[in-house]
């Protein structure tokens, strides 16, 4: 499972809020909250935009962790 905790910490540390994310057309508010709730995933295009905004690598934003059910394959 992909976790986005690192992304939200990075955005907070950089002082970037949802208004700026929407204004800069990085992602919609619905997408932001869907990702925050674990119901949606980031696209590579959005990861690219976020990395440009935060001047970081994709691994600085996402983390893979095993699923709770122990089944890591789809």
PDB file of N, CA and C in Angstrom:
ATOM      1  N   UNK A   1       0.846  -1.160   0.000  1.00  0.00           N
ATOM      2  CA  UNK A   1       0.000   0.000   0.000  1.00  0.00           C
ATOM      3  C   UNK A   1       0.902   1.236   0.000  1.00  0.00           C
ATOM      4  N   UNK A   2       0.513   2.238  -0.739  1.00  0.00           N
ATOM      5  CA  UNK A   2       1.248   3.493  -0.789  1.00  0.00           C
ATOM      6  C   UNK A   2       0.664   4.450   0.250  1.00  0.00           C
ATOM      7  N   UNK A   3       1.541   5.022   1.054  1.00  0.00           N
ATOM      8  CA  UNK A   3       1.150   6.003   2.074  1.00  0.00           C
ATOM      9  C   UNK A   3       1.684   7.369   1.671  1.00  0.00           C
ATOM     10  N   UNK A   4       0.933   8.397   1.984  1.00  0.00           N
ATOM     11  CA  UNK A   4       1.289   9.758   1.610  1.00  0.00           C
ATOM     12  C   UNK A   4       1.597  10.650   2.806  1.00  0.00           C
ATOM     13  N   UNK A   5       1.880  10.063   3.957  1.00  0.00           N
ATOM     14  CA  UNK A   5       2.174  10.855   5.151  1.00  0.00           C
ATOM     15  C   UNK A   5       3.352  11.804   4.915  1.00  0.00           C
ATOM     16  N   UNK A   6       4.370  11.322   4.204  1.00  0.00           N
ATOM     17  CA  UNK A   6       5.542  12.150   3.926  1.00  0.00           C
ATOM     18  C   UNK A   6       5.156  13.377   3.090  1.00  0.00           C
ATOM     19  N   UNK A   7       4.239  13.204   2.153  1.00  0.00           N
ATOM     20  CA  UNK A   7       3.776  14.308   1.328  1.00  0.00           C
ATOM     21  C   UNK A   7       3.153  15.391   2.182  1.00  0.00           C
ATOM     22  N   UNK A   8       2.247  15.019   3.058  1.00  0.00           N
ATOM     23  CA  UNK A   8       1.545  16.007   3.858  1.00  0.00           C
ATOM     24  C   UNK A   8       2.477  16.695   4.849  1.00  0.00           C
ATOM     25  N   UNK A   9       3.463  15.973   5.363  1.00  0.00           N
ATOM     26  CA  UNK A   9       4.471  16.602   6.229  1.00  0.00           C
ATOM     27  C   UNK A   9       5.312  17.599   5.432  1.00  0.00           C
ATOM     28  N   UNK A  10       5.684  17.234   4.201  1.00  0.00           N
ATOM     29  CA  UNK A  10       6.496  18.118   3.355  1.00  0.00           C
ATOM     30  C   UNK A  10       5.720  19.383   2.992  1.00  0.00           C
ATOM     31  N   UNK A  11       4.448  19.229   2.648  1.00  0.00           N
ATOM     32  CA  UNK A  11       3.629  20.398   2.327  1.00  0.00           C
ATOM     33  C   UNK A  11       3.509  21.324   3.531  1.00  0.00           C
ATOM     34  N   UNK A  12       3.277  20.754   4.691  1.00  0.00           N
ATOM     35  CA  UNK A  12       3.153  21.550   5.905  1.00  0.00           C
ATOM     36  C   UNK A  12       4.465  22.267   6.217  1.00  0.00           C
ATOM     37  N   UNK A  13       5.571  21.557   6.124  1.00  0.00           N
ATOM     38  CA  UNK A  13       6.877  22.155   6.406  1.00  0.00           C
ATOM     39  C   UNK A  13       7.192  23.306   5.457  1.00  0.00           C
ATOM     40  N   UNK A  14       6.717  23.194   4.210  1.00  0.00           N
ATOM     41  CA  UNK A  14       6.955  24.240   3.216  1.00  0.00           C
ATOM     42  C   UNK A  14       5.927  25.366   3.307  1.00  0.00           C
ATOM     43  N   UNK A  15       4.927  25.210   4.178  1.00  0.00           N
ATOM     44  CA  UNK A  15       3.898  26.230   4.329  1.00  0.00           C
ATOM     45  C   UNK A  15       2.931  26.285   3.163  1.00  0.00           C
ATOM     46  N   UNK A  16       2.754  25.161   2.487  1.00  0.00           N
ATOM     47  CA  UNK A  16       1.868  25.097   1.331  1.00  0.00           C
ATOM     48  C   UNK A  16       0.520  24.535   1.776  1.00  0.00           C
ATOM     49  N   UNK A  17      -0.545  25.271   1.452  1.00  0.00           N
ATOM     50  CA  UNK A  17      -1.882  24.836   1.855  1.00  0.00           C
ATOM     51  C   UNK A  17      -2.718  24.444   0.644  1.00  0.00           C
ATOM     52  N   UNK A  18      -3.927  24.011   0.901  1.00  0.00           N
ATOM     53  CA  UNK A  18      -4.788  23.539  -0.193  1.00  0.00           C
ATOM     54  C   UNK A  18      -5.139  24.652  -1.173  1.00  0.00           C
ATOM     55  N   UNK A  19      -5.220  25.876  -0.690  1.00  0.00           N
ATOM     56  CA  UNK A  19      -5.518  26.998  -1.587  1.00  0.00           C
ATOM     57  C   UNK A  19      -4.417  27.137  -2.636  1.00  0.00           C
ATOM     58  N   UNK A  20      -3.177  27.085  -2.211  1.00  0.00           N
ATOM     59  CA  UNK A  20      -2.062  27.199  -3.152  1.00  0.00           C
ATOM     60  C   UNK A  20      -2.016  26.008  -4.105  1.00  0.00           C
ATOM     61  N   UNK A  21      -2.300  24.819  -3.598  1.00  0.00           N
ATOM     62  CA  UNK A  21      -2.296  23.621  -4.439  1.00  0.00           C
ATOM     63  C   UNK A  21      -3.349  23.744  -5.540  1.00  0.00           C
ATOM     64  N   UNK A  22      -4.536  24.238  -5.184  1.00  0.00           N
ATOM     65  CA  UNK A  22      -5.579  24.448  -6.190  1.00  0.00           C
ATOM     66  C   UNK A  22      -5.213  25.579  -7.148  1.00  0.00           C
ATOM     67  N   UNK A  23      -4.724  26.693  -6.596  1.00  0.00           N
ATOM     68  CA  UNK A  23      -4.383  27.855  -7.416  1.00  0.00           C
ATOM     69  C   UNK A  23      -3.306  27.515  -8.446  1.00  0.00           C
ATOM     70  N   UNK A  24      -2.312  26.723  -8.030  1.00  0.00           N
ATOM     71  CA  UNK A  24      -1.225  26.332  -8.930  1.00  0.00           C
ATOM     72  C   UNK A  24      -1.591  25.141  -9.807  1.00  0.00           C
ATOM     73  N   UNK A  25      -2.850  24.696  -9.715  1.00  0.00           N
ATOM     74  CA  UNK A  25      -3.383  23.594 -10.523  1.00  0.00           C
ATOM     75  C   UNK A  25      -2.565  22.309 -10.392  1.00  0.00           C
ATOM     76  N   UNK A  26      -2.163  22.032  -9.159  1.00  0.00           N
ATOM     77  CA  UNK A  26      -1.430  20.799  -8.883  1.00  0.00           C
ATOM     78  C   UNK A  26      -2.415  19.650  -8.729  1.00  0.00           C
ATOM     79  N   UNK A  27      -3.494  19.892  -7.990  1.00  0.00           N
ATOM     80  CA  UNK A  27      -4.575  18.911  -7.872  1.00  0.00           C
ATOM     81  C   UNK A  27      -5.805  19.619  -7.332  1.00  0.00           C
ATOM     82  N   UNK A  28      -6.958  19.009  -7.543  1.00  0.00           N
ATOM     83  CA  UNK A  28      -8.203  19.589  -7.046  1.00  0.00           C
ATOM     84  C   UNK A  28      -8.328  19.349  -5.541  1.00  0.00           C
ATOM     85  N   UNK A  29      -9.219  20.096  -4.933  1.00  0.00           N
ATOM     86  CA  UNK A  29      -9.459  19.916  -3.505  1.00  0.00           C
ATOM     87  C   UNK A  29     -10.009  18.517  -3.230  1.00  0.00           C
ATOM     88  N   UNK A  30     -10.885  18.027  -4.102  1.00  0.00           N
ATOM     89  CA  UNK A  30     -11.431  16.677  -3.924  1.00  0.00           C
ATOM     90  C   UNK A  30     -10.325  15.624  -3.995  1.00  0.00           C
ATOM     91  N   UNK A  31      -9.401  15.788  -4.932  1.00  0.00           N
ATOM     92  CA  UNK A  31      -8.287  14.844  -5.040  1.00  0.00           C
ATOM     93  C   UNK A  31      -7.422  14.907  -3.791  1.00  0.00           C
ATOM     94  N   UNK A  32      -7.142  16.108  -3.324  1.00  0.00           N
ATOM     95  CA  UNK A  32      -6.321  16.290  -2.119  1.00  0.00           C
ATOM     96  C   UNK A  32      -6.932  15.537  -0.937  1.00  0.00           C
ATOM     97  N   UNK A  33      -8.218  15.754  -0.711  1.00  0.00           N
ATOM     98  CA  UNK A  33      -8.865  15.104   0.431  1.00  0.00           C
ATOM     99  C   UNK A  33      -9.027  13.600   0.204  1.00  0.00           C
ATOM    100  N   UNK A  34      -9.231  13.183  -1.034  1.00  0.00           N
ATOM    101  CA  UNK A  34      -9.293  11.743  -1.318  1.00  0.00           C
ATOM    102  C   UNK A  34      -7.977  11.054  -1.019  1.00  0.00           C
ATOM    103  N   UNK A  35      -6.879  11.700  -1.368  1.00  0.00           N
ATOM    104  CA  UNK A  35      -5.551  11.151  -1.072  1.00  0.00           C
ATOM    105  C   UNK A  35      -5.312  11.157   0.428  1.00  0.00           C
ATOM    106  N   UNK A  36      -5.686  12.230   1.064  1.00  0.00           N
ATOM    107  CA  UNK A  36      -5.500  12.341   2.518  1.00  0.00           C
ATOM    108  C   UNK A  36      -6.265  11.240   3.260  1.00  0.00           C
ATOM    109  N   UNK A  37      -7.442  10.873   2.744  1.00  0.00           N
ATOM    110  CA  UNK A  37      -8.262   9.838   3.376  1.00  0.00           C
ATOM    111  C   UNK A  37      -7.891   8.429   2.922  1.00  0.00           C
ATOM    112  N   UNK A  38      -6.935   8.311   1.998  1.00  0.00           N
ATOM    113  CA  UNK A  38      -6.520   7.000   1.521  1.00  0.00           C
ATOM    114  C   UNK A  38      -7.464   6.383   0.506  1.00  0.00           C
ATOM    115  N   UNK A  39      -8.316   7.194  -0.106  1.00  0.00           N
ATOM    116  CA  UNK A  39      -9.285   6.673  -1.073  1.00  0.00           C
ATOM    117  C   UNK A  39      -8.829   6.850  -2.516  1.00  0.00           C
ATOM    118  N   UNK A  40      -7.855   7.722  -2.746  1.00  0.00           N
ATOM    119  CA  UNK A  40      -7.330   7.986  -4.080  1.00  0.00           C
ATOM    120  C   UNK A  40      -5.809   7.884  -4.060  1.00  0.00           C
ATOM    121  N   UNK A  41      -5.232   7.788  -5.249  1.00  0.00           N
ATOM    122  CA  UNK A  41      -3.778   7.776  -5.388  1.00  0.00           C
ATOM    123  C   UNK A  41      -3.343   8.924  -6.275  1.00  0.00           C
ATOM    124  N   UNK A  42      -2.109   9.349  -6.099  1.00  0.00           N
ATOM    125  CA  UNK A  42      -1.549  10.391  -6.943  1.00  0.00           C
ATOM    126  C   UNK A  42      -1.203   9.837  -8.312  1.00  0.00           C
ATOM    127  N   UNK A  43      -1.372  10.656  -9.328  1.00  0.00           N
ATOM    128  CA  UNK A  43      -0.902  10.282 -10.660  1.00  0.00           C
ATOM    129  C   UNK A  43       0.577  10.675 -10.758  1.00  0.00           C
ATOM    130  N   UNK A  44       1.271  10.100 -11.742  1.00  0.00           N
ATOM    131  CA  UNK A  44       2.670  10.477 -11.946  1.00  0.00           C
ATOM    132  C   UNK A  44       2.789  11.952 -12.314  1.00  0.00           C
ATOM    133  N   UNK A  45       1.824  12.462 -13.038  1.00  0.00           N
ATOM    134  CA  UNK A  45       1.826  13.873 -13.393  1.00  0.00           C
ATOM    135  C   UNK A  45       1.751  14.755 -12.143  1.00  0.00           C
ATOM    136  N   UNK A  46       0.906  14.380 -11.196  1.00  0.00           N
ATOM    137  CA  UNK A  46       0.783  15.144  -9.960  1.00  0.00           C
ATOM    138  C   UNK A  46       2.043  15.012  -9.124  1.00  0.00           C
ATOM    139  N   UNK A  47       2.616  13.824  -9.054  1.00  0.00           N
ATOM    140  CA  UNK A  47       3.879  13.644  -8.327  1.00  0.00           C
ATOM    141  C   UNK A  47       4.954  14.536  -8.938  1.00  0.00           C
ATOM    142  N   UNK A  48       4.997  14.602 -10.269  1.00  0.00           N
ATOM    143  CA  UNK A  48       5.959  15.455 -10.958  1.00  0.00           C
ATOM    144  C   UNK A  48       5.771  16.919 -10.556  1.00  0.00           C
ATOM    145  N   UNK A  49       4.534  17.394 -10.538  1.00  0.00           N
ATOM    146  CA  UNK A  49       4.255  18.775 -10.150  1.00  0.00           C
ATOM    147  C   UNK A  49       4.646  19.043  -8.700  1.00  0.00           C
ATOM    148  N   UNK A  50       4.326  18.092  -7.823  1.00  0.00           N
ATOM    149  CA  UNK A  50       4.663  18.258  -6.409  1.00  0.00           C
ATOM    150  C   UNK A  50       6.175  18.267  -6.195  1.00  0.00           C
ATOM    151  N   UNK A  51       6.887  17.404  -6.900  1.00  0.00           N
ATOM    152  CA  UNK A  51       8.346  17.376  -6.778  1.00  0.00           C
ATOM    153  C   UNK A  51       8.944  18.702  -7.256  1.00  0.00           C
ATOM    154  N   UNK A  52       8.382  19.270  -8.312  1.00  0.00           N
ATOM    155  CA  UNK A  52       8.849  20.572  -8.784  1.00  0.00           C
ATOM    156  C   UNK A  52       8.575  21.664  -7.770  1.00  0.00           C
ATOM    157  N   UNK A  53       7.394  21.646  -7.191  1.00  0.00           N
ATOM    158  CA  UNK A  53       7.005  22.637  -6.194  1.00  0.00           C
ATOM    159  C   UNK A  53       7.875  22.543  -4.942  1.00  0.00           C
ATOM    160  N   UNK A  54       8.096  21.319  -4.481  1.00  0.00           N
ATOM    161  CA  UNK A  54       8.823  21.100  -3.229  1.00  0.00           C
ATOM    162  C   UNK A  54      10.323  20.869  -3.433  1.00  0.00           C
ATOM    163  N   UNK A  55      10.746  20.787  -4.709  1.00  0.00           N
ATOM    164  CA  UNK A  55      12.159  20.527  -5.029  1.00  0.00           C
ATOM    165  C   UNK A  55      12.649  19.278  -4.295  1.00  0.00           C
ATOM    166  N   UNK A  56      11.986  18.152  -4.592  1.00  0.00           N
ATOM    167  CA  UNK A  56      12.303  16.896  -3.923  1.00  0.00           C
ATOM    168  C   UNK A  56      12.173  15.741  -4.904  1.00  0.00           C
ATOM    169  N   UNK A  57      12.458  14.552  -4.442  1.00  0.00           N
ATOM    170  CA  UNK A  57      12.335  13.323  -5.207  1.00  0.00           C
ATOM    171  C   UNK A  57      11.030  12.622  -4.829  1.00  0.00           C
ATOM    172  N   UNK A  58      10.468  11.780  -5.719  1.00  0.00           N
ATOM    173  CA  UNK A  58       9.214  11.083  -5.405  1.00  0.00           C
ATOM    174  C   UNK A  58       9.263  10.310  -4.086  1.00  0.00           C
ATOM    175  N   UNK A  59      10.389   9.708  -3.784  1.00  0.00           N
ATOM    176  CA  UNK A  59      10.505   8.955  -2.538  1.00  0.00           C
ATOM    177  C   UNK A  59      10.402   9.822  -1.291  1.00  0.00           C
ATOM    178  N   UNK A  60      10.551  11.133  -1.466  1.00  0.00           N
ATOM    179  CA  UNK A  60      10.377  12.060  -0.351  1.00  0.00           C
ATOM    180  C   UNK A  60       8.908  12.317  -0.058  1.00  0.00           C
ATOM    181  N   UNK A  61       8.027  11.859  -0.964  1.00  0.00           N
ATOM    182  CA  UNK A  61       6.597  12.134  -0.836  1.00  0.00           C
ATOM    183  C   UNK A  61       5.760  10.900  -0.544  1.00  0.00           C
ATOM    184  N   UNK A  62       6.207   9.741  -0.993  1.00  0.00           N
ATOM    185  CA  UNK A  62       5.417   8.518  -0.840  1.00  0.00           C
ATOM    186  C   UNK A  62       6.244   7.428  -0.185  1.00  0.00           C
ATOM    187  N   UNK A  63       5.543   6.496   0.421  1.00  0.00           N
ATOM    188  CA  UNK A  63       6.189   5.368   1.085  1.00  0.00           C
ATOM    189  C   UNK A  63       5.341   4.122   0.867  1.00  0.00           C
ATOM    190  N   UNK A  64       5.983   3.028   0.548  1.00  0.00           N
ATOM    191  CA  UNK A  64       5.270   1.769   0.418  1.00  0.00           C
ATOM    192  C   UNK A  64       5.342   1.031   1.743  1.00  0.00           C
ATOM    193  N   UNK A  65       4.198   0.549   2.218  1.00  0.00           N
ATOM    194  CA  UNK A  65       4.127  -0.272   3.427  1.00  0.00           C
ATOM    195  C   UNK A  65       3.248  -1.487   3.114  1.00  0.00           C
ATOM    196  N   UNK A  66       3.534  -2.618   3.737  1.00  0.00           N
ATOM    197  CA  UNK A  66       2.684  -3.805   3.494  1.00  0.00           C
ATOM    198  C   UNK A  66       1.232  -3.528   3.920  1.00  0.00           C
ATOM    199  N   UNK A  67       0.294  -4.110   3.179  1.00  0.00           N
ATOM    200  CA  UNK A  67      -1.112  -4.002   3.558  1.00  0.00           C
ATOM    201  C   UNK A  67      -1.336  -4.667   4.896  1.00  0.00           C
ATOM    202  N   UNK A  68      -2.347  -4.208   5.610  1.00  0.00           N
ATOM    203  CA  UNK A  68      -2.680  -4.773   6.919  1.00  0.00           C
ATOM    204  C   UNK A  68      -3.057  -6.241   6.828  1.00  0.00           C
ATOM    205  N   UNK A  69      -3.653  -6.642   5.690  1.00  0.00           N
ATOM    206  CA  UNK A  69      -4.112  -8.023   5.558  1.00  0.00           C
ATOM    207  C   UNK A  69      -2.981  -8.979   5.161  1.00  0.00           C
ATOM    208  N   UNK A  70      -1.775  -8.419   4.935  1.00  0.00           N
ATOM    209  CA  UNK A  70      -0.635  -9.262   4.600  1.00  0.00           C
ATOM    210  C   UNK A  70      -0.547  -9.648   3.147  1.00  0.00           C
ATOM    211  N   UNK A  71      -1.524  -9.267   2.341  1.00  0.00           N
ATOM    212  CA  UNK A  71      -1.535  -9.591   0.915  1.00  0.00           C
ATOM    213  C   UNK A  71      -0.984  -8.407   0.150  1.00  0.00           C
ATOM    214  N   UNK A  72       0.253  -8.505  -0.319  1.00  0.00           N
ATOM    215  CA  UNK A  72       0.902  -7.397  -1.012  1.00  0.00           C
ATOM    216  C   UNK A  72       0.731  -7.465  -2.519  1.00  0.00           C
ATOM    217  N   UNK A  73       0.098  -8.499  -3.020  1.00  0.00           N
ATOM    218  CA  UNK A  73      -0.087  -8.659  -4.470  1.00  0.00           C
ATOM    219  C   UNK A  73      -1.524  -8.339  -4.839  1.00  0.00           C
ATOM    220  N   UNK A  74      -1.686  -7.768  -6.035  1.00  0.00           N
ATOM    221  CA  UNK A  74      -3.031  -7.498  -6.552  1.00  0.00           C
ATOM    222  C   UNK A  74      -3.419  -8.508  -7.571  1.00  0.00           C
TER     223      UNK A  74
END
